[in-house]
Amino acid sequence: MSSTDRSDPEAAIRAFCEDEFRPIAERVVANGQRCFAHGPDPDASSYYVQRGRTSMGKADFETPAFRTAEEFADELAAMWRSQGFEALCPLALSMARLAEQLKQGDAQSGEVSPFVYVMF
């Protein structure tokens, strides 16, 4: 079965992980790098951070919209690059396309969900 077959999303995810993610992860580990902490930092006296802003604004609730998988991939790669995870950048486009492939639309039917209270 093809990994691009929408009827089997697990196969598509498995293929992405095996064919693309695993080789990059193995290379990152072989270079002695870590993307995530494996435990608490022994040199940190506290993890408490004093916040500079104590209230949220409208912009905090807005998320950017992307028209294409390529736009999203560019933004994802830029974020990883800014965080020092350059090795992950080659995954951005494949990951964006996988997300687009697995996106499910809302099924439309004439019936009202039993979780909705209908007023007449």
PDB file of N, CA and C in Angstrom:
ATOM      1  N   MET A   1       0.844  -1.181   0.000  1.00  0.00           N
ATOM      2  CA  MET A   1       0.000   0.000   0.000  1.00  0.00           C
ATOM      3  C   MET A   1       0.882   1.234   0.000  1.00  0.00           C
ATOM      4  N   SER A   2       0.530   2.225  -0.796  1.00  0.00           N
ATOM      5  CA  SER A   2       1.301   3.455  -0.906  1.00  0.00           C
ATOM      6  C   SER A   2       1.156   4.290   0.354  1.00  0.00           C
ATOM      7  N   SER A   3       2.255   4.977   0.741  1.00  0.00           N
ATOM      8  CA  SER A   3       2.190   5.833   1.925  1.00  0.00           C
ATOM      9  C   SER A   3       1.375   7.083   1.657  1.00  0.00           C
ATOM     10  N   THR A   4       0.992   7.320   0.396  1.00  0.00           N
ATOM     11  CA  THR A   4       0.164   8.480   0.083  1.00  0.00           C
ATOM     12  C   THR A   4      -1.317   8.124   0.016  1.00  0.00           C
ATOM     13  N   ASP A   5      -1.659   6.914   0.372  1.00  0.00           N
ATOM     14  CA  ASP A   5      -3.045   6.457   0.371  1.00  0.00           C
ATOM     15  C   ASP A   5      -3.760   7.070   1.569  1.00  0.00           C
ATOM     16  N   ARG A   6      -4.750   7.946   1.296  1.00  0.00           N
ATOM     17  CA  ARG A   6      -5.471   8.628   2.379  1.00  0.00           C
ATOM     18  C   ARG A   6      -6.272   7.666   3.249  1.00  0.00           C
ATOM     19  N   SER A   7      -6.568   6.476   2.745  1.00  0.00           N
ATOM     20  CA  SER A   7      -7.380   5.545   3.514  1.00  0.00           C
ATOM     21  C   SER A   7      -6.584   4.903   4.651  1.00  0.00           C
ATOM     22  N   ASP A   8      -5.258   5.047   4.633  1.00  0.00           N
ATOM     23  CA  ASP A   8      -4.436   4.484   5.693  1.00  0.00           C
ATOM     24  C   ASP A   8      -3.454   5.538   6.221  1.00  0.00           C
ATOM     25  N   PRO A   9      -3.952   6.450   7.074  1.00  0.00           N
ATOM     26  CA  PRO A   9      -3.085   7.515   7.580  1.00  0.00           C
ATOM     27  C   PRO A   9      -1.915   6.991   8.399  1.00  0.00           C
ATOM     28  N   GLU A  10      -2.098   5.878   9.090  1.00  0.00           N
ATOM     29  CA  GLU A  10      -0.996   5.330   9.892  1.00  0.00           C
ATOM     30  C   GLU A  10       0.170   4.905   9.013  1.00  0.00           C
ATOM     31  N   ALA A  11      -0.114   4.387   7.835  1.00  0.00           N
ATOM     32  CA  ALA A  11       0.951   3.983   6.914  1.00  0.00           C
ATOM     33  C   ALA A  11       1.727   5.207   6.430  1.00  0.00           C
ATOM     34  N   ALA A  12       1.027   6.302   6.168  1.00  0.00           N
ATOM     35  CA  ALA A  12       1.693   7.537   5.729  1.00  0.00           C
ATOM     36  C   ALA A  12       2.591   8.086   6.833  1.00  0.00           C
ATOM     37  N   ILE A  13       2.112   8.068   8.056  1.00  0.00           N
ATOM     38  CA  ILE A  13       2.904   8.559   9.190  1.00  0.00           C
ATOM     39  C   ILE A  13       4.107   7.645   9.414  1.00  0.00           C
ATOM     40  N   ARG A  14       3.878   6.343   9.363  1.00  0.00           N
ATOM     41  CA  ARG A  14       4.959   5.373   9.550  1.00  0.00           C
ATOM     42  C   ARG A  14       6.042   5.561   8.484  1.00  0.00           C
ATOM     43  N   ALA A  15       5.629   5.732   7.236  1.00  0.00           N
ATOM     44  CA  ALA A  15       6.584   5.927   6.142  1.00  0.00           C
ATOM     45  C   ALA A  15       7.388   7.201   6.349  1.00  0.00           C
ATOM     46  N   PHE A  16       6.738   8.289   6.769  1.00  0.00           N
ATOM     47  CA  PHE A  16       7.451   9.546   7.036  1.00  0.00           C
ATOM     48  C   PHE A  16       8.488   9.351   8.142  1.00  0.00           C
ATOM     49  N   CYS A  17       8.070   8.706   9.214  1.00  0.00           N
ATOM     50  CA  CYS A  17       8.984   8.500  10.352  1.00  0.00           C
ATOM     51  C   CYS A  17      10.174   7.624   9.963  1.00  0.00           C
ATOM     52  N   GLU A  18       9.914   6.556   9.258  1.00  0.00           N
ATOM     53  CA  GLU A  18      10.987   5.629   8.892  1.00  0.00           C
ATOM     54  C   GLU A  18      11.904   6.186   7.801  1.00  0.00           C
ATOM     55  N   ASP A  19      11.313   6.783   6.776  1.00  0.00           N
ATOM     56  CA  ASP A  19      12.090   7.204   5.613  1.00  0.00           C
ATOM     57  C   ASP A  19      12.779   8.553   5.787  1.00  0.00           C
ATOM     58  N   GLU A  20      12.171   9.452   6.563  1.00  0.00           N
ATOM     59  CA  GLU A  20      12.708  10.804   6.648  1.00  0.00           C
ATOM     60  C   GLU A  20      13.140  11.207   8.058  1.00  0.00           C
ATOM     61  N   PHE A  21      12.275  10.974   9.034  1.00  0.00           N
ATOM     62  CA  PHE A  21      12.578  11.439  10.387  1.00  0.00           C
ATOM     63  C   PHE A  21      13.712  10.647  11.040  1.00  0.00           C
ATOM     64  N   ARG A  22      13.645   9.322  10.954  1.00  0.00           N
ATOM     65  CA  ARG A  22      14.642   8.482  11.614  1.00  0.00           C
ATOM     66  C   ARG A  22      16.074   8.789  11.166  1.00  0.00           C
ATOM     67  N   PRO A  23      16.353   8.889   9.853  1.00  0.00           N
ATOM     68  CA  PRO A  23      17.735   9.179   9.453  1.00  0.00           C
ATOM     69  C   PRO A  23      18.263  10.505  10.014  1.00  0.00           C
ATOM     70  N   ILE A  24      17.413  11.517  10.049  1.00  0.00           N
ATOM     71  CA  ILE A  24      17.851  12.807  10.597  1.00  0.00           C
ATOM     72  C   ILE A  24      18.050  12.695  12.099  1.00  0.00           C
ATOM     73  N   ALA A  25      17.149  12.012  12.782  1.00  0.00           N
ATOM     74  CA  ALA A  25      17.284  11.839  14.234  1.00  0.00           C
ATOM     75  C   ALA A  25      18.560  11.076  14.573  1.00  0.00           C
ATOM     76  N   GLU A  26      18.852  10.042  13.812  1.00  0.00           N
ATOM     77  CA  GLU A  26      20.076   9.270  14.063  1.00  0.00           C
ATOM     78  C   GLU A  26      21.326  10.123  13.840  1.00  0.00           C
ATOM     79  N   ARG A  27      21.290  10.973  12.815  1.00  0.00           N
ATOM     80  CA  ARG A  27      22.425  11.861  12.546  1.00  0.00           C
ATOM     81  C   ARG A  27      22.603  12.887  13.670  1.00  0.00           C
ATOM     82  N   VAL A  28      21.486  13.429  14.180  1.00  0.00           N
ATOM     83  CA  VAL A  28      21.535  14.397  15.275  1.00  0.00           C
ATOM     84  C   VAL A  28      22.130  13.747  16.530  1.00  0.00           C
ATOM     85  N   VAL A  29      21.676  12.546  16.850  1.00  0.00           N
ATOM     86  CA  VAL A  29      22.186  11.833  18.022  1.00  0.00           C
ATOM     87  C   VAL A  29      23.663  11.483  17.841  1.00  0.00           C
ATOM     88  N   ALA A  30      24.041  11.045  16.638  1.00  0.00           N
ATOM     89  CA  ALA A  30      25.441  10.693  16.374  1.00  0.00           C
ATOM     90  C   ALA A  30      26.366  11.900  16.533  1.00  0.00           C
ATOM     91  N   ASN A  31      25.833  13.093  16.271  1.00  0.00           N
ATOM     92  CA  ASN A  31      26.625  14.323  16.431  1.00  0.00           C
ATOM     93  C   ASN A  31      26.615  14.841  17.866  1.00  0.00           C
ATOM     94  N   GLY A  32      25.962  14.105  18.769  1.00  0.00           N
ATOM     95  CA  GLY A  32      25.929  14.489  20.175  1.00  0.00           C
ATOM     96  C   GLY A  32      24.972  15.622  20.481  1.00  0.00           C
ATOM     97  N   GLN A  33      24.027  15.889  19.584  1.00  0.00           N
ATOM     98  CA  GLN A  33      23.062  16.965  19.802  1.00  0.00           C
ATOM     99  C   GLN A  33      21.787  16.412  20.423  1.00  0.00           C
ATOM    100  N   ARG A  34      21.051  17.310  21.076  1.00  0.00           N
ATOM    101  CA  ARG A  34      19.752  16.944  21.643  1.00  0.00           C
ATOM    102  C   ARG A  34      18.750  18.026  21.300  1.00  0.00           C
ATOM    103  N   CYS A  35      17.568  17.613  20.939  1.00  0.00           N
ATOM    104  CA  CYS A  35      16.494  18.580  20.672  1.00  0.00           C
ATOM    105  C   CYS A  35      15.711  18.877  21.942  1.00  0.00           C
ATOM    106  N   PHE A  36      15.711  17.939  22.871  1.00  0.00           N
ATOM    107  CA  PHE A  36      14.950  18.081  24.102  1.00  0.00           C
ATOM    108  C   PHE A  36      15.821  17.674  25.287  1.00  0.00           C
ATOM    109  N   ALA A  37      15.604  18.335  26.395  1.00  0.00           N
ATOM    110  CA  ALA A  37      16.331  17.981  27.615  1.00  0.00           C
ATOM    111  C   ALA A  37      15.907  16.587  28.059  1.00  0.00           C
ATOM    112  N   HIS A  38      16.846  15.792  28.527  1.00  0.00           N
ATOM    113  CA  HIS A  38      16.546  14.435  28.989  1.00  0.00           C
ATOM    114  C   HIS A  38      16.359  14.375  30.493  1.00  0.00           C
ATOM    115  N   GLY A  39      16.366  15.527  31.117  1.00  0.00           N
ATOM    116  CA  GLY A  39      16.176  15.590  32.562  1.00  0.00           C
ATOM    117  C   GLY A  39      16.340  17.022  33.032  1.00  0.00           C
ATOM    118  N   PRO A  40      16.213  17.248  34.316  1.00  0.00           N
ATOM    119  CA  PRO A  40      16.366  18.616  34.833  1.00  0.00           C
ATOM    120  C   PRO A  40      17.809  19.097  34.691  1.00  0.00           C
ATOM    121  N   ASP A  41      17.966  20.403  34.532  1.00  0.00           N
ATOM    122  CA  ASP A  41      19.285  21.013  34.412  1.00  0.00           C
ATOM    123  C   ASP A  41      19.907  21.099  35.805  1.00  0.00           C
ATOM    124  N   PRO A  42      21.005  20.385  36.056  1.00  0.00           N
ATOM    125  CA  PRO A  42      21.603  20.396  37.399  1.00  0.00           C
ATOM    126  C   PRO A  42      22.188  21.760  37.781  1.00  0.00           C
ATOM    127  N   ASP A  43      22.446  22.621  36.799  1.00  0.00           N
ATOM    128  CA  ASP A  43      23.003  23.937  37.082  1.00  0.00           C
ATOM    129  C   ASP A  43      21.932  24.999  37.330  1.00  0.00           C
ATOM    130  N   ALA A  44      20.675  24.674  37.089  1.00  0.00           N
ATOM    131  CA  ALA A  44      19.599  25.651  37.280  1.00  0.00           C
ATOM    132  C   ALA A  44      19.167  25.668  38.737  1.00  0.00           C
ATOM    133  N   SER A  45      19.179  26.851  39.320  1.00  0.00           N
ATOM    134  CA  SER A  45      18.723  26.963  40.711  1.00  0.00           C
ATOM    135  C   SER A  45      17.206  27.019  40.764  1.00  0.00           C
ATOM    136  N   SER A  46      16.574  27.473  39.673  1.00  0.00           N
ATOM    137  CA  SER A  46      15.122  27.565  39.611  1.00  0.00           C
ATOM    138  C   SER A  46      14.698  27.616  38.147  1.00  0.00           C
ATOM    139  N   TYR A  47      13.491  27.189  37.885  1.00  0.00           N
ATOM    140  CA  TYR A  47      12.936  27.313  36.547  1.00  0.00           C
ATOM    141  C   TYR A  47      11.923  28.454  36.495  1.00  0.00           C
ATOM    142  N   TYR A  48      11.759  29.170  37.581  1.00  0.00           N
ATOM    143  CA  TYR A  48      10.824  30.279  37.632  1.00  0.00           C
ATOM    144  C   TYR A  48      11.343  31.429  36.769  1.00  0.00           C
ATOM    145  N   VAL A  49      10.456  32.010  35.971  1.00  0.00           N
ATOM    146  CA  VAL A  49      10.819  33.154  35.136  1.00  0.00           C
ATOM    147  C   VAL A  49       9.818  34.270  35.411  1.00  0.00           C
ATOM    148  N   GLN A  50      10.333  35.440  35.745  1.00  0.00           N
ATOM    149  CA  GLN A  50       9.471  36.603  35.971  1.00  0.00           C
ATOM    150  C   GLN A  50       8.966  37.092  34.613  1.00  0.00           C
ATOM    151  N   ARG A  51       7.661  37.157  34.457  1.00  0.00           N
ATOM    152  CA  ARG A  51       7.084  37.588  33.186  1.00  0.00           C
ATOM    153  C   ARG A  51       7.152  39.097  33.048  1.00  0.00           C
ATOM    154  N   GLY A  52       7.490  39.551  31.855  1.00  0.00           N
ATOM    155  CA  GLY A  52       7.514  40.981  31.579  1.00  0.00           C
ATOM    156  C   GLY A  52       6.118  41.511  31.310  1.00  0.00           C
ATOM    157  N   ARG A  53       5.312  40.717  30.635  1.00  0.00           N
ATOM    158  CA  ARG A  53       3.918  41.082  30.345  1.00  0.00           C
ATOM    159  C   ARG A  53       3.000  40.240  31.194  1.00  0.00           C
ATOM    160  N   THR A  54       2.035  40.862  31.824  1.00  0.00           N
ATOM    161  CA  THR A  54       1.136  40.103  32.704  1.00  0.00           C
ATOM    162  C   THR A  54      -0.285  40.012  32.176  1.00  0.00           C
ATOM    163  N   SER A  55      -0.552  40.586  31.005  1.00  0.00           N
ATOM    164  CA  SER A  55      -1.885  40.451  30.423  1.00  0.00           C
ATOM    165  C   SER A  55      -1.754  40.132  28.938  1.00  0.00           C
ATOM    166  N   MET A  56      -2.794  39.527  28.410  1.00  0.00           N
ATOM    167  CA  MET A  56      -2.776  39.115  27.009  1.00  0.00           C
ATOM    168  C   MET A  56      -3.582  40.091  26.169  1.00  0.00           C
ATOM    169  N   GLY A  57      -3.183  40.217  24.913  1.00  0.00           N
ATOM    170  CA  GLY A  57      -3.896  41.077  23.980  1.00  0.00           C
ATOM    171  C   GLY A  57      -4.490  40.271  22.847  1.00  0.00           C
ATOM    172  N   LYS A  58      -5.136  40.965  21.924  1.00  0.00           N
ATOM    173  CA  LYS A  58      -5.788  40.316  20.792  1.00  0.00           C
ATOM    174  C   LYS A  58      -4.794  39.475  19.985  1.00  0.00           C
ATOM    175  N   ALA A  59      -3.596  39.986  19.777  1.00  0.00           N
ATOM    176  CA  ALA A  59      -2.592  39.293  18.969  1.00  0.00           C
ATOM    177  C   ALA A  59      -2.194  37.942  19.566  1.00  0.00           C
ATOM    178  N   ASP A  60      -2.326  37.779  20.873  1.00  0.00           N
ATOM    179  CA  ASP A  60      -1.981  36.510  21.513  1.00  0.00           C
ATOM    180  C   ASP A  60      -2.936  35.385  21.123  1.00  0.00           C
ATOM    181  N   PHE A  61      -4.093  35.746  20.611  1.00  0.00           N
ATOM    182  CA  PHE A  61      -5.094  34.740  20.248  1.00  0.00           C
ATOM    183  C   PHE A  61      -5.201  34.537  18.743  1.00  0.00           C
ATOM    184  N   GLU A  62      -4.404  35.266  17.981  1.00  0.00           N
ATOM    185  CA  GLU A  62      -4.438  35.152  16.536  1.00  0.00           C
ATOM    186  C   GLU A  62      -3.304  34.249  16.078  1.00  0.00           C
ATOM    187  N   THR A  63      -3.608  33.389  15.140  1.00  0.00           N
ATOM    188  CA  THR A  63      -2.580  32.513  14.582  1.00  0.00           C
ATOM    189  C   THR A  63      -2.438  32.821  13.103  1.00  0.00           C
ATOM    190  N   PRO A  64      -1.245  32.687  12.588  1.00  0.00           N
ATOM    191  CA  PRO A  64      -1.067  32.967  11.163  1.00  0.00           C
ATOM    192  C   PRO A  64      -1.766  31.909  10.306  1.00  0.00           C
ATOM    193  N   ALA A  65      -2.255  32.347   9.171  1.00  0.00           N
ATOM    194  CA  ALA A  65      -2.883  31.420   8.231  1.00  0.00           C
ATOM    195  C   ALA A  65      -1.935  31.200   7.068  1.00  0.00           C
ATOM    196  N   PHE A  66      -1.875  29.991   6.588  1.00  0.00           N
ATOM    197  CA  PHE A  66      -1.005  29.654   5.470  1.00  0.00           C
ATOM    198  C   PHE A  66      -1.868  29.127   4.338  1.00  0.00           C
ATOM    199  N   ARG A  67      -1.638  29.654   3.143  1.00  0.00           N
ATOM    200  CA  ARG A  67      -2.423  29.224   1.989  1.00  0.00           C
ATOM    201  C   ARG A  67      -1.962  27.883   1.442  1.00  0.00           C
ATOM    202  N   THR A  68      -0.672  27.610   1.574  1.00  0.00           N
ATOM    203  CA  THR A  68      -0.130  26.376   0.993  1.00  0.00           C
ATOM    204  C   THR A  68       0.760  25.665   2.001  1.00  0.00           C
ATOM    205  N   ALA A  69       1.005  24.407   1.730  1.00  0.00           N
ATOM    206  CA  ALA A  69       1.922  23.630   2.572  1.00  0.00           C
ATOM    207  C   ALA A  69       3.320  24.229   2.508  1.00  0.00           C
ATOM    208  N   GLU A  70       3.678  24.785   1.359  1.00  0.00           N
ATOM    209  CA  GLU A  70       5.007  25.380   1.193  1.00  0.00           C
ATOM    210  C   GLU A  70       5.196  26.592   2.104  1.00  0.00           C
ATOM    211  N   GLU A  71       4.147  27.439   2.227  1.00  0.00           N
ATOM    212  CA  GLU A  71       4.225  28.596   3.132  1.00  0.00           C
ATOM    213  C   GLU A  71       4.429  28.127   4.571  1.00  0.00           C
ATOM    214  N   PHE A  72       3.663  27.114   4.967  1.00  0.00           N
ATOM    215  CA  PHE A  72       3.795  26.596   6.321  1.00  0.00           C
ATOM    216  C   PHE A  72       5.182  26.005   6.543  1.00  0.00           C
ATOM    217  N   ALA A  73       5.685  25.267   5.550  1.00  0.00           N
ATOM    218  CA  ALA A  73       7.009  24.646   5.661  1.00  0.00           C
ATOM    219  C   ALA A  73       8.091  25.706   5.804  1.00  0.00           C
ATOM    220  N   ASP A  74       7.982  26.794   5.060  1.00  0.00           N
ATOM    221  CA  ASP A  74       8.969  27.876   5.162  1.00  0.00           C
ATOM    222  C   ASP A  74       8.977  28.469   6.562  1.00  0.00           C
ATOM    223  N   GLU A  75       7.798  28.691   7.113  1.00  0.00           N
ATOM    224  CA  GLU A  75       7.704  29.267   8.458  1.00  0.00           C
ATOM    225  C   GLU A  75       8.220  28.289   9.520  1.00  0.00           C
ATOM    226  N   LEU A  76       7.895  27.020   9.363  1.00  0.00           N
ATOM    227  CA  LEU A  76       8.355  25.993  10.293  1.00  0.00           C
ATOM    228  C   LEU A  76       9.881  25.886  10.265  1.00  0.00           C
ATOM    229  N   ALA A  77      10.448  25.863   9.059  1.00  0.00           N
ATOM    230  CA  ALA A  77      11.909  25.790   8.927  1.00  0.00           C
ATOM    231  C   ALA A  77      12.571  27.031   9.517  1.00  0.00           C
ATOM    232  N   ALA A  78      11.979  28.195   9.308  1.00  0.00           N
ATOM    233  CA  ALA A  78      12.542  29.435   9.877  1.00  0.00           C
ATOM    234  C   ALA A  78      12.519  29.382  11.407  1.00  0.00           C
ATOM    235  N   MET A  79      11.438  28.850  11.976  1.00  0.00           N
ATOM    236  CA  MET A  79      11.352  28.740  13.434  1.00  0.00           C
ATOM    237  C   MET A  79      12.428  27.790  13.953  1.00  0.00           C
ATOM    238  N   TRP A  80      12.570  26.620  13.322  1.00  0.00           N
ATOM    239  CA  TRP A  80      13.588  25.662  13.755  1.00  0.00           C
ATOM    240  C   TRP A  80      14.986  26.259  13.625  1.00  0.00           C
ATOM    241  N   ARG A  81      15.228  26.979  12.526  1.00  0.00           N
ATOM    242  CA  ARG A  81      16.533  27.609  12.314  1.00  0.00           C
ATOM    243  C   ARG A  81      16.823  28.613  13.433  1.00  0.00           C
ATOM    244  N   SER A  82      15.820  29.421  13.791  1.00  0.00           N
ATOM    245  CA  SER A  82      16.008  30.439  14.836  1.00  0.00           C
ATOM    246  C   SER A  82      16.235  29.812  16.208  1.00  0.00           C
ATOM    247  N   GLN A  83      15.759  28.588  16.398  1.00  0.00           N
ATOM    248  CA  GLN A  83      15.927  27.894  17.672  1.00  0.00           C
ATOM    249  C   GLN A  83      17.174  27.017  17.699  1.00  0.00           C
ATOM    250  N   GLY A  84      17.921  27.019  16.601  1.00  0.00           N
ATOM    251  CA  GLY A  84      19.153  26.242  16.545  1.00  0.00           C
ATOM    252  C   GLY A  84      18.965  24.793  16.140  1.00  0.00           C
ATOM    253  N   PHE A  85      17.834  24.449  15.560  1.00  0.00           N
ATOM    254  CA  PHE A  85      17.563  23.078  15.134  1.00  0.00           C
ATOM    255  C   PHE A  85      17.636  22.974  13.613  1.00  0.00           C
ATOM    256  N   GLU A  86      18.716  23.457  13.051  1.00  0.00           N
ATOM    257  CA  GLU A  86      18.930  23.475  11.598  1.00  0.00           C
ATOM    258  C   GLU A  86      18.778  22.080  10.986  1.00  0.00           C
ATOM    259  N   ALA A  87      19.153  21.040  11.717  1.00  0.00           N
ATOM    260  CA  ALA A  87      19.097  19.672  11.189  1.00  0.00           C
ATOM    261  C   ALA A  87      17.667  19.238  10.868  1.00  0.00           C
ATOM    262  N   LEU A  88      16.670  19.845  11.520  1.00  0.00           N
ATOM    263  CA  LEU A  88      15.283  19.459  11.282  1.00  0.00           C
ATOM    264  C   LEU A  88      14.682  20.115  10.045  1.00  0.00           C
ATOM    265  N   CYS A  89      15.304  21.171   9.547  1.00  0.00           N
ATOM    266  CA  CYS A  89      14.739  21.946   8.434  1.00  0.00           C
ATOM    267  C   CYS A  89      14.381  21.119   7.199  1.00  0.00           C
ATOM    268  N   PRO A  90      15.171  20.119   6.821  1.00  0.00           N
ATOM    269  CA  PRO A  90      14.770  19.322   5.643  1.00  0.00           C
ATOM    270  C   PRO A  90      13.443  18.581   5.825  1.00  0.00           C
ATOM    271  N   LEU A  91      12.963  18.431   7.060  1.00  0.00           N
ATOM    272  CA  LEU A  91      11.696  17.739   7.312  1.00  0.00           C
ATOM    273  C   LEU A  91      10.480  18.631   7.112  1.00  0.00           C
ATOM    274  N   ALA A  92      10.678  19.936   7.088  1.00  0.00           N
ATOM    275  CA  ALA A  92       9.559  20.872   7.120  1.00  0.00           C
ATOM    276  C   ALA A  92       8.560  20.659   5.982  1.00  0.00           C
ATOM    277  N   LEU A  93       9.043  20.586   4.758  1.00  0.00           N
ATOM    278  CA  LEU A  93       8.119  20.456   3.627  1.00  0.00           C
ATOM    279  C   LEU A  93       7.398  19.108   3.646  1.00  0.00           C
ATOM    280  N   SER A  94       8.119  18.036   3.934  1.00  0.00           N
ATOM    281  CA  SER A  94       7.473  16.712   3.997  1.00  0.00           C
ATOM    282  C   SER A  94       6.444  16.666   5.114  1.00  0.00           C
ATOM    283  N   MET A  95       6.765  17.279   6.244  1.00  0.00           N
ATOM    284  CA  MET A  95       5.839  17.286   7.371  1.00  0.00           C
ATOM    285  C   MET A  95       4.591  18.103   7.037  1.00  0.00           C
ATOM    286  N   ALA A  96       4.770  19.234   6.366  1.00  0.00           N
ATOM    287  CA  ALA A  96       3.628  20.068   5.977  1.00  0.00           C
ATOM    288  C   ALA A  96       2.741  19.339   4.969  1.00  0.00           C
ATOM    289  N   ARG A  97       3.359  18.667   4.023  1.00  0.00           N
ATOM    290  CA  ARG A  97       2.573  17.914   3.031  1.00  0.00           C
ATOM    291  C   ARG A  97       1.856  16.732   3.657  1.00  0.00           C
ATOM    292  N   LEU A  98       2.496  16.093   4.634  1.00  0.00           N
ATOM    293  CA  LEU A  98       1.852  14.991   5.343  1.00  0.00           C
ATOM    294  C   LEU A  98       0.635  15.500   6.109  1.00  0.00           C
ATOM    295  N   ALA A  99       0.783  16.633   6.773  1.00  0.00           N
ATOM    296  CA  ALA A  99      -0.342  17.215   7.511  1.00  0.00           C
ATOM    297  C   ALA A  99      -1.485  17.556   6.566  1.00  0.00           C
ATOM    298  N   GLU A 100      -1.152  18.107   5.409  1.00  0.00           N
ATOM    299  CA  GLU A 100      -2.177  18.446   4.425  1.00  0.00           C
ATOM    300  C   GLU A 100      -2.874  17.186   3.910  1.00  0.00           C
ATOM    301  N   GLN A 101      -2.095  16.142   3.696  1.00  0.00           N
ATOM    302  CA  GLN A 101      -2.641  14.860   3.215  1.00  0.00           C
ATOM    303  C   GLN A 101      -3.582  14.255   4.247  1.00  0.00           C
ATOM    304  N   LEU A 102      -3.258  14.399   5.525  1.00  0.00           N
ATOM    305  CA  LEU A 102      -4.041  13.758   6.572  1.00  0.00           C
ATOM    306  C   LEU A 102      -5.197  14.618   7.067  1.00  0.00           C
ATOM    307  N   LYS A 103      -5.248  15.854   6.587  1.00  0.00           N
ATOM    308  CA  LYS A 103      -6.313  16.765   7.004  1.00  0.00           C
ATOM    309  C   LYS A 103      -7.663  16.165   6.635  1.00  0.00           C
ATOM    310  N   GLN A 104      -8.574  16.201   7.565  1.00  0.00           N
ATOM    311  CA  GLN A 104      -9.900  15.647   7.319  1.00  0.00           C
ATOM    312  C   GLN A 104     -10.919  16.768   7.367  1.00  0.00           C
ATOM    313  N   GLY A 105     -11.767  16.803   6.379  1.00  0.00           N
ATOM    314  CA  GLY A 105     -12.846  17.781   6.369  1.00  0.00           C
ATOM    315  C   GLY A 105     -13.996  17.310   7.237  1.00  0.00           C
ATOM    316  N   ASP A 106     -14.843  18.237   7.595  1.00  0.00           N
ATOM    317  CA  ASP A 106     -16.013  17.875   8.381  1.00  0.00           C
ATOM    318  C   ASP A 106     -17.018  17.163   7.489  1.00  0.00           C
ATOM    319  N   ALA A 107     -17.476  16.028   7.950  1.00  0.00           N
ATOM    320  CA  ALA A 107     -18.484  15.284   7.197  1.00  0.00           C
ATOM    321  C   ALA A 107     -19.822  15.988   7.360  1.00  0.00           C
ATOM    322  N   GLN A 108     -20.455  16.266   6.264  1.00  0.00           N
ATOM    323  CA  GLN A 108     -21.747  16.941   6.286  1.00  0.00           C
ATOM    324  C   GLN A 108     -22.852  15.894   6.194  1.00  0.00           C
ATOM    325  N   SER A 109     -23.836  16.035   7.062  1.00  0.00           N
ATOM    326  CA  SER A 109     -25.004  15.168   6.977  1.00  0.00           C
ATOM    327  C   SER A 109     -26.221  15.986   7.372  1.00  0.00           C
ATOM    328  N   GLY A 110     -27.376  15.465   7.094  1.00  0.00           N
ATOM    329  CA  GLY A 110     -28.611  16.168   7.414  1.00  0.00           C
ATOM    330  C   GLY A 110     -29.017  16.034   8.874  1.00  0.00           C
ATOM    331  N   GLU A 111     -28.307  15.215   9.629  1.00  0.00           N
ATOM    332  CA  GLU A 111     -28.681  14.972  11.015  1.00  0.00           C
ATOM    333  C   GLU A 111     -27.957  15.925  11.964  1.00  0.00           C
ATOM    334  N   VAL A 112     -28.634  16.272  13.034  1.00  0.00           N
ATOM    335  CA  VAL A 112     -28.053  17.127  14.060  1.00  0.00           C
ATOM    336  C   VAL A 112     -27.367  16.231  15.082  1.00  0.00           C
ATOM    337  N   SER A 113     -26.183  16.621  15.484  1.00  0.00           N
ATOM    338  CA  SER A 113     -25.436  15.849  16.466  1.00  0.00           C
ATOM    339  C   SER A 113     -26.243  15.707  17.757  1.00  0.00           C
ATOM    340  N   PRO A 114     -26.168  14.557  18.411  1.00  0.00           N
ATOM    341  CA  PRO A 114     -26.879  14.395  19.680  1.00  0.00           C
ATOM    342  C   PRO A 114     -26.291  15.282  20.786  1.00  0.00           C
ATOM    343  N   PHE A 115     -25.140  15.878  20.536  1.00  0.00           N
ATOM    344  CA  PHE A 115     -24.518  16.748  21.525  1.00  0.00           C
ATOM    345  C   PHE A 115     -24.941  18.208  21.385  1.00  0.00           C
ATOM    346  N   VAL A 116     -25.846  18.478  20.438  1.00  0.00           N
ATOM    347  CA  VAL A 116     -26.328  19.838  20.212  1.00  0.00           C
ATOM    348  C   VAL A 116     -27.778  19.906  20.681  1.00  0.00           C
ATOM    349  N   TYR A 117     -28.069  20.927  21.478  1.00  0.00           N
ATOM    350  CA  TYR A 117     -29.436  21.148  21.947  1.00  0.00           C
ATOM    351  C   TYR A 117     -30.162  21.955  20.891  1.00  0.00           C
ATOM    352  N   VAL A 118     -31.205  21.399  20.322  1.00  0.00           N
ATOM    353  CA  VAL A 118     -31.934  22.055  19.243  1.00  0.00           C
ATOM    354  C   VAL A 118     -33.158  22.744  19.815  1.00  0.00           C
ATOM    355  N   MET A 119     -33.286  24.025  19.506  1.00  0.00           N
ATOM    356  CA  MET A 119     -34.472  24.787  19.948  1.00  0.00           C
ATOM    357  C   MET A 119     -35.339  25.057  18.737  1.00  0.00           C
ATOM    358  N   PHE A 120     -36.654  24.834  18.894  1.00  0.00           N
ATOM    359  CA  PHE A 120     -37.583  25.064  17.784  1.00  0.00           C
ATOM    360  C   PHE A 120     -38.396  26.295  18.035  1.00  0.00           C
TER     361      PHE A 120
END
